[in-house]
Structures are given as structure tokens and as C-alpha cells.
Amino acid sequence: MNRAWKLKSTEKFLKEADSADIVKVLLKNRKILKKEEIEEFFNPHLESFLDFKIADLEKGVKRILEALERREKVIVFADYDADGLCAGAILWETLYELKLNVLPYIPHRVKEGYGLNFEAIEKLAKEGTKLIITVDHGVTAIKEVKFAKKLGVDVVVCDHHEKPKILPECILIHTTRLCGAGVTLRFAYEIAKEFGFQDKIISEKLELCAIATIADLVPLKCQNRAIVKFGLESLNGTRRAGILALLSKTGLVLGKVSERDISHVLAPRLNAAGRLGDAILSLRLLCTKDPVQARNLAEELFETNFQRQEMLTRAILEAKGQFLDEGGIGFLTSENWHEGIIGLVASRMVEETGRPMVVISCGEKFSKGSARSVGNLNIVEVLQSFSDLLVDVGGHPAAAGFTIETEKIVKFQQKIRGVNLKDFEDKNFLEIDCQISLLNVNFPLWETILKFAPFGVGNLQPQFLTKNALVEDLKTVGQNLDHLKLIIEEKNAIAFGQAQKIDGLSPGKRIDLVYTVELNDFRNNKTLQLKVWDLAVSEDKK
């Protein structure tokens, strides 16, 4: 589905321009105007992450020191996605180094559900646990924390999800400015500072935080920009056996791992175990120091990810057949969808339709739901406004999850479809930085673009518009011939998933196109190509 195009700047570079002029426009579009803001953007520093205040950090450190003194049994209770897994690895490794009696725990998605649960708390308490530390969840676990306290188990919550109106009565280390692993890394850093090995925390665990920050779609601004910039550098020199095994299995090259490699290759494989089975597999992979075990675990994750891909393909076909664009939030349900993939179904359907989406895996008594947003719609607030119909709900403005009694789905659907999206629709655009001539697509422009990396949510790669560009050649490519490859004024271009747009196009036609500039490094022959996000036959005459 084509989205409307919106130019952020009226500046046009229709002839070959000085890259410094384009930099000014890109900065202005990102509202980076002051000298100190520009300096911080181009030269991020980790002090912005290590210095800013997070509530209850000191209390959390004090409780860890007490656990050490009392030789208490401690559980790091992690979430089963990439953010939670990285957070779990960061804190477990830190506490294990202190010789604390500590074990990781990750709930089974299907058998236990999301986050703290009564059965797990009771089991852990019977086994002698005196302290549970949640990472990447827990801010909504009011009843579960109260239950733990009754059993003599203290709880420390490290979380970044939206706060509910009522908070759990415990030590709450929380900020929405970081991902779950970011909050946890800061906690680990403060713990390590008590023993003088805080620098080791950064040198060995920042790479995990970078993976989590990218995987959890956290805006890459301020602290997060610094985390990803320096975390990527650390990752590209990693000694972690598990990550090295994943890189080897995927064909990625150590030293050249990018943000995109994390979001499209590494994170989905780390997530796979938690989606379909037991996420402890991925945690073991991240923490193991044994190369043989790492290779075996990576192989197992690949097999699980392949199953996930097959399930997702079938689910997407069903979702497309079910979807009706009625102008509001999309609402899709099925008894056939594994609850571990509904978030992926929601994300893919958002891409396909341009609509925010609610997707539900229907169970006999209870059903699991996942929601994804677009534009300025805060999807977790939408869901929370109907909390009387839900068993539980939590998440971020862009992504959320919930549980609902199956018999209430129809009523919930009516409520969701009644949400007014007028404000959201006004901002549902394909945003473009500025209009340029293809004469500007050169290596000086590429060097300019690299200055704005790392890219991700909140700092997208610069997108350009070129009008009246001459198509010299085109064809469909890919295993299923679903991509469109073009030569446009001697520039190579690729439009993924847009093969249908070949209709009406032919050599000699002129088109308007929105694209990012990419580096193609094939057999050490470096060339630039256009990654086309949208195109249309030009209406202007030339």
C-alpha cells in the first residue's frame, strides 16, 4: 500500500551540491540545531548513559550487597525476547562474577506466559530463593510482587515499559529512555563500581546492550545513540563464542556487522527460541564460553528460526486474506496462529497496509494479543483504555501485548474499531529529507550519510526524492520474482517487494522515486545503489 509522500524540507539540490549544504538540511530535519546538540550528535559519548539519574539504583545496589553478605539465593528473572535475553545475560554474568548464588530464569511463553507468574514464584520460594530481580519486565506485576513478599521473597524490578497507574511495592529501577538491557546494564555498572570492575562491564557487555537496543526498536537518540555506536564497535571485535557462532552460521563477517544485520539477522534468531520453545537456549548461547557448545546451540536456533519462518509465511497469507481496510485499526484473529508469532504478523501487516494492527491468537478460554502502531498513535494507551476487557496489558507506545478472555474478543473488536484515527492519519506519511538530483548520489554524499549513523528508530537513514528520473532498464528478480531491479540514469536501484510496479514502466519512462543510498561491496568492488522505498510514473514533462 503506497503512503503519501511528505517532504521535510523545501530545499532542493537539483544540481551537484556541496555535501555540507545537504548536512545542514539533514540536521535541521532532525531538529538538531544548536552547536552543542550537533557536537553531541556527531560525537556521542557514553557519559550521557553512565551519568543520568535512574530511580532506585542506589537501593538496588544496596539490596545486592545485602544478598552477598547473607549468601542468599538470587534469581535473574528475564523476558524471552532479545532485549530480555541480553538483559538477563548482562545481570547474571555480573552477579555470577561476584560469586553470588545466582541463577537465570525465563518463563516459557506458552506454558507460563509473559513476566512474573504465581507458579514460578511459589516454586522458586520453595527452592530457597530470597531475591528475584526482573529484567525487561515487572513494572505491571503488582499482584505477583505482593505474592512474592508474602512468601518471604524480595523483588527488584528493572524495566522500561510504560508505567501503570498503580506500581508494584518494591525497588523499581525504571526509565523509558532505555531498553530493558540498557536499564540492566546501568544497574550492573553501578553494582560493579562497588567492586572496581565497572570498566569491564562496559567492555564486555555493551555489545549485548547494543543488540537489545536495536532489536527493541528504541529511539536512537542521546544515550541510546551512544550505546549503539560504541556497542557496535565492541560487537565487531567480540570474543563471545555464541555470537561468533551466530555470525559464522549466517555468513556475517566480524568487523562488518551493522545495525541492519542485528535487526534482520541476529535478533530474529535470538528471538526464535522464545517464540516457539524455551528461550533459555538463547541465553545459554549468549553466555557460553565453549565454542563447541556455541556451534551446537546456534544450529538449534537456526532450525527453530526456520520453523518460525514457515509458520509466519502461512499466517501472513491468512492475515492478508482476512484483512479489510475499514479505515481504522486493523483487527485480525485466528485459532491457527501460534502466540509466539503474532507480534511478527502484526508488524508485517503494518508494513503491508500502513495501518496500526491488533492480532490475536485465539485460545479456548484465554487468548493472546499483540499490537503494533504507526505514526503518533500510542497503541499501549489505546489498549489500556479498554483494560476492563483485558486480563493484562503492557508495552510501549509503538508495540504492546495483552491477554483477553476469548469470549470478550467480539466486544473488544467493536471498541478497537471505534478508535478515532484522525490525528494519526494526518501523520501517516513516507517522510523524505529533501529533493536531490541523481548527480548528488556519489561517494561524498555516502560519506555524509555515514556521519549520521547509527540508524534506527528516531534516526532513520536519510531518504531522498528524485523527480523525472529516466528509466534505462528494469526487470523482476528474486527467487519468487517479487523484487524490481532498475537502472536509472546509470545508477543501479532495487525496490524490494515491489515487482508489481513494473506494470506501466518501461525503458524511456520517467519516474519519481523515494530512496536511501546504499553501499554495494561485491568482491571488493564498491559501488552505490539506490534502495527504492516507493516510486511513481512522473507527471511532470521534461
Protein backbone atom coordinates (compact mmCIF):
# COMPACT_ATOMS: atom_id res chain seq x y z
CA MET A 1 0.00 0.00 0.00
CA ASN A 2 1.51 3.33 -1.08
CA ARG A 3 1.74 6.03 1.57
CA ALA A 4 1.58 9.73 0.84
CA TRP A 5 4.96 11.40 0.42
CA LYS A 6 5.93 14.28 2.69
CA LEU A 7 9.00 16.44 2.16
CA LYS A 8 10.50 17.66 5.43
CA SER A 9 12.43 20.43 3.66
CA THR A 10 11.67 22.77 0.78
CA GLU A 11 15.38 22.81 -0.08
CA LYS A 12 16.15 21.32 -3.50
CA PHE A 13 19.53 20.20 -4.79
CA LEU A 14 18.84 19.85 -8.50
CA LYS A 15 22.48 20.26 -9.49
CA GLU A 16 25.58 18.76 -7.95
CA ALA A 17 25.81 20.30 -4.48
CA ASP A 18 28.30 20.67 -1.67
CA SER A 19 27.67 17.85 0.82
CA ALA A 20 27.94 20.38 3.68
CA ASP A 21 24.74 22.03 2.44
CA ILE A 22 22.93 18.71 2.50
CA VAL A 23 24.24 18.07 6.05
CA LYS A 24 22.61 21.32 7.21
CA VAL A 25 19.25 20.21 5.82
CA LEU A 26 19.51 16.75 7.39
CA LEU A 27 20.35 18.24 10.78
CA LYS A 28 17.51 20.73 10.56
CA ASN A 29 15.06 17.94 9.68
CA ARG A 30 16.14 16.10 12.83
CA LYS A 31 15.74 19.26 14.91
CA ILE A 32 19.45 19.28 15.74
CA LEU A 33 20.13 22.99 15.61
CA LYS A 34 22.36 24.20 18.42
CA LYS A 35 26.13 23.89 18.26
CA GLU A 36 26.29 21.67 21.36
CA GLU A 37 23.48 19.44 20.00
CA ILE A 38 25.34 18.98 16.72
CA GLU A 39 28.55 18.17 18.57
CA GLU A 40 26.79 15.58 20.75
CA PHE A 41 25.04 14.04 17.74
CA PHE A 42 28.20 13.56 15.68
CA ASN A 43 30.35 12.70 18.70
CA PRO A 44 28.18 10.78 21.19
CA HIS A 45 29.84 9.77 24.46
CA LEU A 46 29.00 7.09 26.99
CA GLU A 47 28.97 9.57 29.86
CA SER A 48 25.45 10.51 28.73
CA PHE A 49 24.46 6.93 29.58
CA LEU A 50 26.54 6.49 32.71
CA ASP A 51 25.69 9.78 34.40
CA PHE A 52 21.96 10.35 34.08
CA LYS A 53 19.78 9.51 37.08
CA ILE A 54 17.59 6.42 37.27
CA ALA A 55 15.28 5.95 40.24
CA ASP A 56 16.16 3.39 42.93
CA LEU A 57 19.60 2.50 41.54
CA GLU A 58 21.24 3.01 44.92
CA LYS A 59 18.55 0.95 46.66
CA GLY A 60 19.05 -1.85 44.13
CA VAL A 61 22.81 -1.90 44.68
CA LYS A 62 22.33 -1.94 48.45
CA ARG A 63 19.98 -4.94 48.17
CA ILE A 64 22.59 -6.84 46.11
CA LEU A 65 25.23 -6.13 48.77
CA GLU A 66 22.86 -7.50 51.40
CA ALA A 67 22.30 -10.65 49.33
CA LEU A 68 26.06 -11.13 49.11
CA GLU A 69 26.52 -10.68 52.84
CA ARG A 70 23.67 -13.08 53.65
CA ARG A 71 24.67 -15.57 50.92
CA GLU A 72 21.11 -15.55 49.63
CA LYS A 73 19.87 -17.40 46.57
CA VAL A 74 19.06 -14.90 43.82
CA ILE A 75 17.13 -15.33 40.57
CA VAL A 76 17.51 -13.11 37.49
CA PHE A 77 14.01 -13.40 36.02
CA ALA A 78 14.34 -12.37 32.35
CA ASP A 79 11.94 -11.87 29.47
CA TYR A 80 12.10 -14.19 26.46
CA ASP A 81 12.76 -11.64 23.69
CA ALA A 82 16.16 -10.36 22.51
CA ASP A 83 16.02 -7.38 24.88
CA GLY A 84 15.16 -9.54 27.89
CA LEU A 85 17.70 -12.20 26.94
CA CYS A 86 20.51 -9.66 26.64
CA ALA A 87 19.43 -8.06 29.92
CA GLY A 88 19.39 -11.45 31.60
CA ALA A 89 22.88 -12.28 30.32
CA ILE A 90 24.26 -8.91 31.46
CA LEU A 91 23.00 -9.18 35.03
CA TRP A 92 23.55 -12.92 35.51
CA GLU A 93 27.17 -12.64 34.35
CA THR A 94 27.77 -9.64 36.62
CA LEU A 95 26.34 -11.29 39.73
CA TYR A 96 28.00 -14.63 38.96
CA GLU A 97 31.36 -12.87 38.83
CA LEU A 98 30.70 -11.67 42.39
CA LYS A 99 30.30 -15.35 43.41
CA LEU A 100 26.66 -14.70 44.29
CA ASN A 101 24.40 -17.75 44.40
CA VAL A 102 22.51 -16.67 41.27
CA LEU A 103 20.58 -18.47 38.52
CA PRO A 104 18.71 -17.21 35.46
CA TYR A 105 15.01 -17.93 34.93
CA ILE A 106 12.99 -17.33 31.76
CA PRO A 107 9.29 -18.22 31.69
CA HIS A 108 8.00 -20.44 28.89
CA ARG A 109 5.85 -18.26 26.61
CA VAL A 110 3.05 -20.81 26.15
CA LYS A 111 3.14 -22.66 29.47
CA GLU A 112 3.70 -19.65 31.76
CA GLY A 113 3.05 -16.52 29.72
CA TYR A 114 4.74 -13.16 29.97
CA GLY A 115 6.62 -11.98 33.05
CA LEU A 116 6.37 -12.93 36.69
CA ASN A 117 3.79 -15.59 37.47
CA PHE A 118 2.49 -17.08 40.69
CA GLU A 119 3.53 -20.68 39.93
CA ALA A 120 7.14 -19.71 39.22
CA ILE A 121 7.35 -17.51 42.32
CA GLU A 122 5.99 -20.29 44.54
CA LYS A 123 8.39 -22.85 43.04
CA LEU A 124 11.40 -20.54 43.42
CA ALA A 125 10.45 -19.66 47.00
CA LYS A 126 10.25 -23.37 47.93
CA GLU A 127 13.74 -23.79 46.46
CA GLY A 128 15.07 -21.16 48.85
CA THR A 129 15.11 -18.04 46.68
CA LYS A 130 15.22 -14.84 48.72
CA LEU A 131 15.55 -12.26 45.93
CA ILE A 132 14.10 -12.09 42.42
CA ILE A 133 15.38 -9.44 40.02
CA THR A 134 13.19 -8.96 36.97
CA VAL A 135 14.79 -7.58 33.83
CA ASP A 136 12.81 -6.10 30.92
CA HIS A 137 9.50 -6.66 32.73
CA GLY A 138 7.85 -6.34 36.11
CA VAL A 139 6.51 -2.79 36.20
CA THR A 140 2.92 -4.10 35.93
CA ALA A 141 3.39 -7.11 38.25
CA ILE A 142 1.60 -5.61 41.26
CA LYS A 143 -0.12 -8.81 42.45
CA GLU A 144 2.87 -11.04 41.72
CA VAL A 145 5.25 -8.83 43.72
CA LYS A 146 2.80 -8.80 46.63
CA PHE A 147 2.58 -12.61 46.47
CA ALA A 148 6.38 -12.92 46.49
CA LYS A 149 6.64 -10.73 49.58
CA LYS A 150 4.13 -12.98 51.37
CA LEU A 151 6.43 -15.90 50.68
CA GLY A 152 9.45 -14.01 52.02
CA VAL A 153 10.95 -13.19 48.61
CA ASP A 154 12.07 -9.64 47.85
CA VAL A 155 11.73 -8.29 44.31
CA VAL A 156 13.82 -5.74 42.43
CA VAL A 157 12.28 -4.66 39.12
CA CYS A 158 14.48 -3.42 36.23
CA ASP A 159 12.12 -2.30 33.49
CA HIS A 160 11.49 0.27 30.80
CA HIS A 161 7.88 -0.37 29.82
CA GLU A 162 5.15 2.22 30.32
CA LYS A 163 4.20 2.62 33.98
CA PRO A 164 0.65 1.73 35.02
CA LYS A 165 -1.26 3.97 37.43
CA ILE A 166 -0.52 1.63 40.33
CA LEU A 167 3.07 0.44 40.78
CA PRO A 168 4.41 -2.71 42.44
CA GLU A 169 5.63 -2.21 46.01
CA CYS A 170 9.31 -3.00 45.54
CA ILE A 171 12.62 -1.47 44.46
CA LEU A 172 11.78 -0.17 40.98
CA ILE A 173 14.72 0.70 38.72
CA HIS A 174 12.91 2.24 35.79
CA THR A 175 13.22 4.62 32.88
CA THR A 176 11.53 4.66 29.47
CA ARG A 177 14.60 6.32 27.91
CA LEU A 178 16.44 2.99 27.51
CA CYS A 179 15.62 -0.55 26.51
CA GLY A 180 15.38 -3.23 29.21
CA ALA A 181 19.01 -4.24 28.71
CA GLY A 182 20.00 -0.58 28.93
CA VAL A 183 18.40 -0.24 32.36
CA THR A 184 20.00 -3.53 33.40
CA LEU A 185 23.45 -2.58 32.09
CA ARG A 186 23.34 0.61 34.12
CA PHE A 187 22.36 -1.40 37.21
CA ALA A 188 25.19 -3.86 36.55
CA TYR A 189 27.62 -0.96 36.10
CA GLU A 190 26.64 0.55 39.47
CA ILE A 191 26.98 -2.84 41.18
CA ALA A 192 30.41 -3.40 39.62
CA LYS A 193 31.51 0.09 40.65
CA GLU A 194 31.27 -1.05 44.27
CA PHE A 195 33.97 -3.62 43.49
CA GLY A 196 36.07 -1.68 40.98
CA PHE A 197 35.34 -3.61 37.79
CA GLN A 198 32.83 -1.24 36.15
CA ASP A 199 35.07 -0.76 33.10
CA LYS A 200 34.88 -4.49 32.46
CA ILE A 201 31.08 -4.27 32.40
CA ILE A 202 31.25 -1.75 29.57
CA SER A 203 33.98 -3.52 27.61
CA GLU A 204 32.33 -6.96 27.80
CA LYS A 205 28.59 -6.27 27.91
CA LEU A 206 27.94 -3.10 25.90
CA GLU A 207 27.65 -5.24 22.74
CA LEU A 208 24.68 -7.08 24.28
CA CYS A 209 23.05 -3.77 25.11
CA ALA A 210 23.51 -2.59 21.50
CA ILE A 211 21.82 -5.75 20.18
CA ALA A 212 18.92 -5.21 22.60
CA THR A 213 18.57 -1.50 21.83
CA ILE A 214 18.27 -2.16 18.10
CA ALA A 215 16.08 -5.27 18.48
CA ASP A 216 13.63 -3.49 20.79
CA LEU A 217 13.22 -0.53 18.40
CA VAL A 218 14.28 2.06 20.97
CA PRO A 219 14.74 5.58 19.51
CA LEU A 220 18.44 6.06 18.71
CA LYS A 221 18.84 9.41 20.42
CA CYS A 222 21.05 10.64 23.26
CA GLN A 223 22.09 7.69 25.46
CA ASN A 224 20.84 5.07 23.01
CA ARG A 225 22.84 6.55 20.16
CA ALA A 226 25.99 6.27 22.27
CA ILE A 227 25.12 2.71 23.32
CA VAL A 228 24.67 1.54 19.73
CA LYS A 229 27.65 3.44 18.32
CA PHE A 230 30.14 2.07 20.84
CA GLY A 231 28.31 -1.22 21.27
CA LEU A 232 28.63 -1.92 17.55
CA GLU A 233 32.36 -1.28 17.77
CA SER A 234 32.56 -3.75 20.66
CA LEU A 235 30.40 -6.29 18.83
CA ASN A 236 32.65 -6.16 15.79
CA GLY A 237 35.55 -7.28 17.96
CA THR A 238 33.56 -9.70 20.11
CA ARG A 239 35.05 -12.76 21.77
CA ARG A 240 31.67 -14.21 22.76
CA ALA A 241 31.59 -17.77 21.46
CA GLY A 242 27.82 -17.67 20.93
CA ILE A 243 27.80 -14.51 18.87
CA LEU A 244 30.79 -15.74 16.84
CA ALA A 245 28.88 -18.97 16.15
CA LEU A 246 25.82 -17.00 15.01
CA LEU A 247 27.93 -14.82 12.74
CA SER A 248 29.60 -17.87 11.21
CA LYS A 249 26.25 -19.58 10.65
CA THR A 250 24.70 -16.55 8.98
CA GLY A 251 27.70 -15.67 6.85
CA LEU A 252 28.12 -12.29 8.53
CA VAL A 253 31.70 -11.06 8.77
CA LEU A 254 33.17 -9.99 12.11
CA GLY A 255 34.24 -6.38 11.75
CA LYS A 256 31.43 -5.54 9.31
CA VAL A 257 28.31 -6.19 11.42
CA SER A 258 25.79 -3.35 11.00
CA GLU A 259 22.59 -2.19 12.68
CA ARG A 260 20.64 -3.89 9.88
CA ASP A 261 22.48 -7.18 10.47
CA ILE A 262 21.36 -7.07 14.09
CA SER A 263 17.72 -6.22 13.35
CA HIS A 264 17.28 -8.57 10.37
CA VAL A 265 19.63 -11.47 11.14
CA LEU A 266 20.89 -11.79 14.73
CA ALA A 267 17.86 -10.60 16.72
CA PRO A 268 15.29 -12.80 14.90
CA ARG A 269 17.40 -15.87 15.64
CA LEU A 270 17.81 -14.96 19.30
CA ASN A 271 14.05 -14.41 19.48
CA ALA A 272 13.19 -17.69 17.76
CA ALA A 273 13.64 -19.96 20.79
CA GLY A 274 11.40 -17.81 22.96
CA ARG A 275 8.72 -17.59 20.29
CA LEU A 276 8.33 -21.33 19.77
CA GLY A 277 10.04 -23.07 22.67
CA ASP A 278 12.35 -22.42 25.59
CA ALA A 279 14.27 -19.12 25.49
CA ILE A 280 16.91 -20.43 27.89
CA LEU A 281 18.54 -21.84 24.74
CA SER A 282 19.32 -18.33 23.51
CA LEU A 283 20.54 -17.23 26.94
CA ARG A 284 22.96 -20.16 27.03
CA LEU A 285 24.22 -19.17 23.59
CA LEU A 286 24.93 -15.61 24.73
CA CYS A 287 26.75 -16.72 27.88
CA THR A 288 28.64 -19.86 26.87
CA LYS A 289 32.42 -19.79 26.62
CA ASP A 290 32.61 -23.18 24.91
CA PRO A 291 32.92 -22.88 21.08
CA VAL A 292 31.60 -26.42 20.51
CA GLN A 293 28.51 -25.79 22.64
CA ALA A 294 28.07 -22.44 20.90
CA ARG A 295 28.04 -24.07 17.46
CA ASN A 296 25.50 -26.68 18.60
CA LEU A 297 23.25 -24.04 20.15
CA ALA A 298 23.49 -21.85 17.04
CA GLU A 299 22.49 -24.82 14.88
CA GLU A 300 19.48 -25.48 17.10
CA LEU A 301 18.45 -21.82 16.95
CA PHE A 302 18.65 -21.88 13.16
CA GLU A 303 16.36 -24.89 12.97
CA THR A 304 13.89 -23.17 15.32
CA ASN A 305 14.05 -19.97 13.30
CA PHE A 306 13.32 -21.90 10.10
CA GLN A 307 10.18 -23.33 11.74
CA ARG A 308 9.23 -19.82 12.79
CA GLN A 309 9.64 -18.54 9.23
CA GLU A 310 7.42 -21.29 7.81
CA MET A 311 4.71 -20.62 10.41
CA LEU A 312 4.90 -16.89 9.74
CA THR A 313 4.56 -17.34 5.97
CA ARG A 314 1.33 -19.34 6.44
CA ALA A 315 0.00 -16.85 8.99
CA ILE A 316 0.69 -13.84 6.76
CA LEU A 317 -1.21 -15.43 3.87
CA GLU A 318 -4.20 -15.99 6.16
CA ALA A 319 -3.93 -12.46 7.59
CA LYS A 320 -3.88 -10.86 4.13
CA GLY A 321 -6.97 -12.82 3.14
CA GLN A 322 -8.75 -11.74 6.31
CA PHE A 323 -7.83 -8.03 6.31
CA LEU A 324 -10.45 -5.46 5.31
CA ASP A 325 -9.34 -1.83 5.22
CA GLU A 326 -12.15 -0.09 7.06
CA GLY A 327 -10.13 3.00 7.86
CA GLY A 328 -9.32 2.23 11.49
CA ILE A 329 -7.08 -0.07 13.47
CA GLY A 330 -6.78 -3.44 11.75
CA PHE A 331 -8.12 -6.35 13.82
CA LEU A 332 -7.17 -9.94 12.96
CA THR A 333 -7.81 -13.18 14.83
CA SER A 334 -7.13 -16.85 14.25
CA GLU A 335 -7.04 -20.15 16.09
CA ASN A 336 -4.23 -21.26 13.76
CA TRP A 337 -1.62 -18.70 14.79
CA HIS A 338 0.99 -19.63 17.38
CA GLU A 339 1.08 -16.91 20.02
CA GLY A 340 4.83 -16.66 19.57
CA ILE A 341 4.49 -15.19 16.06
CA ILE A 342 1.53 -12.82 16.40
CA GLY A 343 3.81 -9.84 17.04
CA LEU A 344 5.56 -10.61 13.76
CA VAL A 345 2.21 -10.94 11.99
CA ALA A 346 1.16 -7.56 13.37
CA SER A 347 4.43 -5.92 12.26
CA ARG A 348 4.25 -7.41 8.76
CA MET A 349 0.62 -6.37 8.33
CA VAL A 350 1.50 -2.82 9.40
CA GLU A 351 4.12 -2.81 6.63
CA GLU A 352 1.63 -4.21 4.12
CA THR A 353 -1.28 -1.93 4.95
CA GLY A 354 0.10 1.21 6.58
CA ARG A 355 -2.45 0.64 9.37
CA PRO A 356 -1.92 0.05 13.09
CA MET A 357 -2.79 -3.54 13.86
CA VAL A 358 -4.17 -5.77 16.62
CA VAL A 359 -3.57 -9.51 16.11
CA ILE A 360 -4.97 -12.23 18.38
CA SER A 361 -4.12 -15.91 18.74
CA CYS A 362 -7.39 -17.42 19.93
CA GLY A 363 -7.38 -19.98 22.71
CA GLU A 364 -10.20 -21.98 24.27
CA LYS A 365 -10.60 -19.81 27.37
CA PHE A 366 -7.88 -17.17 27.12
CA SER A 367 -6.33 -15.58 24.03
CA LYS A 368 -3.06 -13.74 23.50
CA GLY A 369 -2.86 -10.49 21.57
CA SER A 370 -0.16 -8.30 20.09
CA ALA A 371 -0.49 -4.77 18.72
CA ARG A 372 1.71 -2.52 16.58
CA SER A 373 1.31 1.17 15.89
CA VAL A 374 2.14 3.62 13.13
CA GLY A 375 2.77 7.36 13.29
CA ASN A 376 1.86 9.11 16.52
CA LEU A 377 -0.72 6.62 17.81
CA ASN A 378 0.23 5.37 21.29
CA ILE A 379 -1.01 1.79 20.99
CA VAL A 380 -0.42 0.81 24.62
CA GLU A 381 -2.58 3.75 25.77
CA VAL A 382 -5.31 2.63 23.37
CA LEU A 383 -5.26 -0.87 24.85
CA GLN A 384 -5.10 0.40 28.43
CA SER A 385 -8.23 2.47 27.82
CA PHE A 386 -10.08 -0.85 27.41
CA SER A 387 -8.32 -2.60 30.30
CA ASP A 388 -11.70 -3.56 31.77
CA LEU A 389 -11.96 -6.08 28.91
CA LEU A 390 -8.39 -7.39 29.27
CA VAL A 391 -6.73 -9.72 31.75
CA ASP A 392 -3.45 -7.83 31.43
CA VAL A 393 -1.75 -5.37 29.09
CA GLY A 394 1.67 -3.76 28.77
CA GLY A 395 4.23 -2.46 26.32
CA HIS A 396 5.44 0.66 24.55
CA PRO A 397 3.76 3.41 22.50
CA ALA A 398 4.70 1.53 19.31
CA ALA A 399 4.19 -2.09 20.43
CA ALA A 400 2.15 -3.83 23.10
CA GLY A 401 0.85 -7.20 24.20
CA PHE A 402 -2.18 -8.36 26.14
CA THR A 403 -4.24 -11.31 27.35
CA ILE A 404 -8.00 -11.43 26.91
CA GLU A 405 -10.78 -13.86 27.76
CA THR A 406 -11.80 -15.40 24.44
CA GLU A 407 -15.49 -14.68 24.98
CA LYS A 408 -14.73 -10.94 25.17
CA ILE A 409 -12.94 -10.68 21.81
CA VAL A 410 -16.02 -9.59 19.83
CA LYS A 411 -16.80 -6.76 22.25
CA PHE A 412 -13.13 -5.75 22.29
CA GLN A 413 -13.08 -5.68 18.49
CA GLN A 414 -16.02 -3.26 18.47
CA LYS A 415 -14.19 -0.96 20.88
CA ILE A 416 -10.94 -1.05 18.90
CA ARG A 417 -12.66 -0.30 15.61
CA GLY A 418 -14.32 2.70 17.22
CA VAL A 419 -10.96 4.40 17.93
CA ASN A 420 -10.70 7.72 16.05
CA LEU A 421 -7.54 7.76 13.98
CA LYS A 422 -7.92 11.25 12.52
CA ASP A 423 -4.86 12.60 14.35
CA PHE A 424 -2.84 9.52 13.43
CA GLU A 425 -3.79 9.59 9.75
CA ASP A 426 -2.63 13.19 9.41
CA LYS A 427 0.90 11.98 10.13
CA ASN A 428 0.94 8.65 8.29
CA PHE A 429 3.43 9.72 5.62
CA LEU A 430 6.54 8.42 3.96
CA GLU A 431 8.81 11.19 5.19
CA ILE A 432 11.53 12.46 2.85
CA ASP A 433 14.51 14.60 3.82
CA CYS A 434 14.83 16.61 0.62
CA GLN A 435 14.73 16.54 -3.16
CA ILE A 436 18.04 15.96 -4.93
CA SER A 437 19.34 15.24 -8.39
CA LEU A 438 20.96 11.86 -9.04
CA LEU A 439 24.12 13.87 -9.75
CA ASN A 440 24.42 14.08 -5.95
CA VAL A 441 24.44 10.31 -5.49
CA ASN A 442 28.20 9.98 -5.16
CA PHE A 443 30.77 8.95 -2.57
CA PRO A 444 30.93 12.40 -0.92
CA LEU A 445 27.17 12.02 -0.25
CA TRP A 446 27.77 8.49 1.08
CA GLU A 447 30.44 9.80 3.47
CA THR A 448 27.94 12.44 4.59
CA ILE A 449 25.27 9.81 5.24
CA LEU A 450 27.69 7.71 7.31
CA LYS A 451 28.16 10.62 9.71
CA PHE A 452 24.51 10.24 10.72
CA ALA A 453 24.86 6.54 11.63
CA PRO A 454 23.92 4.51 13.60
CA PHE A 455 20.45 4.37 12.07
CA GLY A 456 17.22 3.10 13.55
CA VAL A 457 14.00 4.27 15.15
CA GLY A 458 14.21 8.01 15.82
CA ASN A 459 17.15 8.40 13.44
CA LEU A 460 16.23 6.85 10.11
CA GLN A 461 18.72 6.75 7.29
CA PRO A 462 18.31 9.89 5.15
CA GLN A 463 15.65 9.45 2.46
CA PHE A 464 15.74 11.42 -0.76
CA LEU A 465 13.34 12.26 -3.56
CA THR A 466 14.38 12.50 -7.18
CA LYS A 467 11.86 13.57 -9.82
CA ASN A 468 11.77 12.93 -13.57
CA ALA A 469 14.49 10.30 -13.44
CA LEU A 470 14.97 8.33 -16.65
CA VAL A 471 14.48 4.56 -16.53
CA GLU A 472 17.10 2.90 -18.73
CA ASP A 473 16.39 -0.74 -17.90
CA LEU A 474 14.29 -2.82 -15.48
CA LYS A 475 13.40 -6.40 -14.62
CA THR A 476 11.95 -8.50 -11.82
CA VAL A 477 14.42 -10.52 -9.73
CA GLY A 478 14.49 -12.81 -6.71
CA GLN A 479 13.51 -16.43 -6.16
CA ASN A 480 9.82 -15.53 -6.49
CA LEU A 481 10.42 -12.60 -8.88
CA ASP A 482 8.94 -10.25 -6.29
CA HIS A 483 11.65 -7.56 -6.40
CA LEU A 484 12.15 -4.87 -9.03
CA LYS A 485 15.66 -4.07 -10.27
CA LEU A 486 16.21 -0.90 -12.30
CA ILE A 487 18.93 1.12 -13.93
CA ILE A 488 18.08 4.81 -13.55
CA GLU A 489 20.38 7.32 -15.20
CA GLU A 490 23.32 4.91 -14.90
CA LYS A 491 22.53 4.21 -11.23
CA ASN A 492 21.59 0.71 -10.02
CA ALA A 493 18.39 0.59 -7.99
CA ILE A 494 16.46 -2.13 -6.18
CA ALA A 495 12.84 -1.99 -4.97
CA PHE A 496 12.26 -4.93 -2.64
CA GLY A 497 8.78 -6.46 -2.75
CA GLN A 498 7.61 -4.04 -5.43
CA ALA A 499 7.69 -6.21 -8.56
CA GLN A 500 4.05 -5.36 -9.29
CA LYS A 501 5.09 -1.79 -10.10
CA ILE A 502 6.71 -2.99 -13.31
CA ASP A 503 3.27 -2.60 -14.89
CA GLY A 504 3.23 0.72 -16.71
CA LEU A 505 7.02 1.04 -16.63
CA SER A 506 9.46 0.58 -19.49
CA PRO A 507 12.84 1.91 -20.62
CA GLY A 508 12.47 5.55 -21.58
CA LYS A 509 9.82 6.29 -18.92
CA ARG A 510 10.48 8.94 -16.32
CA ILE A 511 9.70 8.27 -12.68
CA ASP A 512 9.67 9.97 -9.28
CA LEU A 513 11.29 7.84 -6.61
CA VAL A 514 11.95 7.90 -2.87
CA TYR A 515 15.12 6.09 -1.82
CA THR A 516 18.04 5.69 0.52
CA VAL A 517 21.60 5.37 -0.72
CA GLU A 518 23.36 2.07 -0.02
CA LEU A 519 26.91 0.81 -0.48
CA ASN A 520 27.24 -2.37 -2.54
CA ASP A 521 30.55 -4.08 -1.79
CA PHE A 522 30.70 -7.07 -4.15
CA ARG A 523 34.09 -8.74 -4.49
CA ASN A 524 35.74 -5.57 -3.15
CA ASN A 525 34.16 -3.53 -5.94
CA LYS A 526 32.44 -0.70 -4.08
CA THR A 527 29.50 0.93 -5.86
CA LEU A 528 26.49 2.93 -4.72
CA GLN A 529 22.94 1.82 -5.36
CA LEU A 530 19.50 3.21 -4.63
CA LYS A 531 17.24 1.30 -2.26
CA VAL A 532 13.82 2.39 -3.51
CA TRP A 533 11.03 2.71 -0.95
CA ASP A 534 8.39 3.96 -3.37
CA LEU A 535 8.11 5.11 -6.96
CA ALA A 536 5.55 6.51 -9.37
CA VAL A 537 5.43 7.47 -13.04
CA SER A 538 6.34 11.13 -13.22
CA GLU A 539 3.53 13.53 -14.02
CA ASP A 540 5.91 16.32 -14.94
CA LYS A 541 7.01 16.72 -18.53
CA LYS A 542 10.68 17.13 -19.27
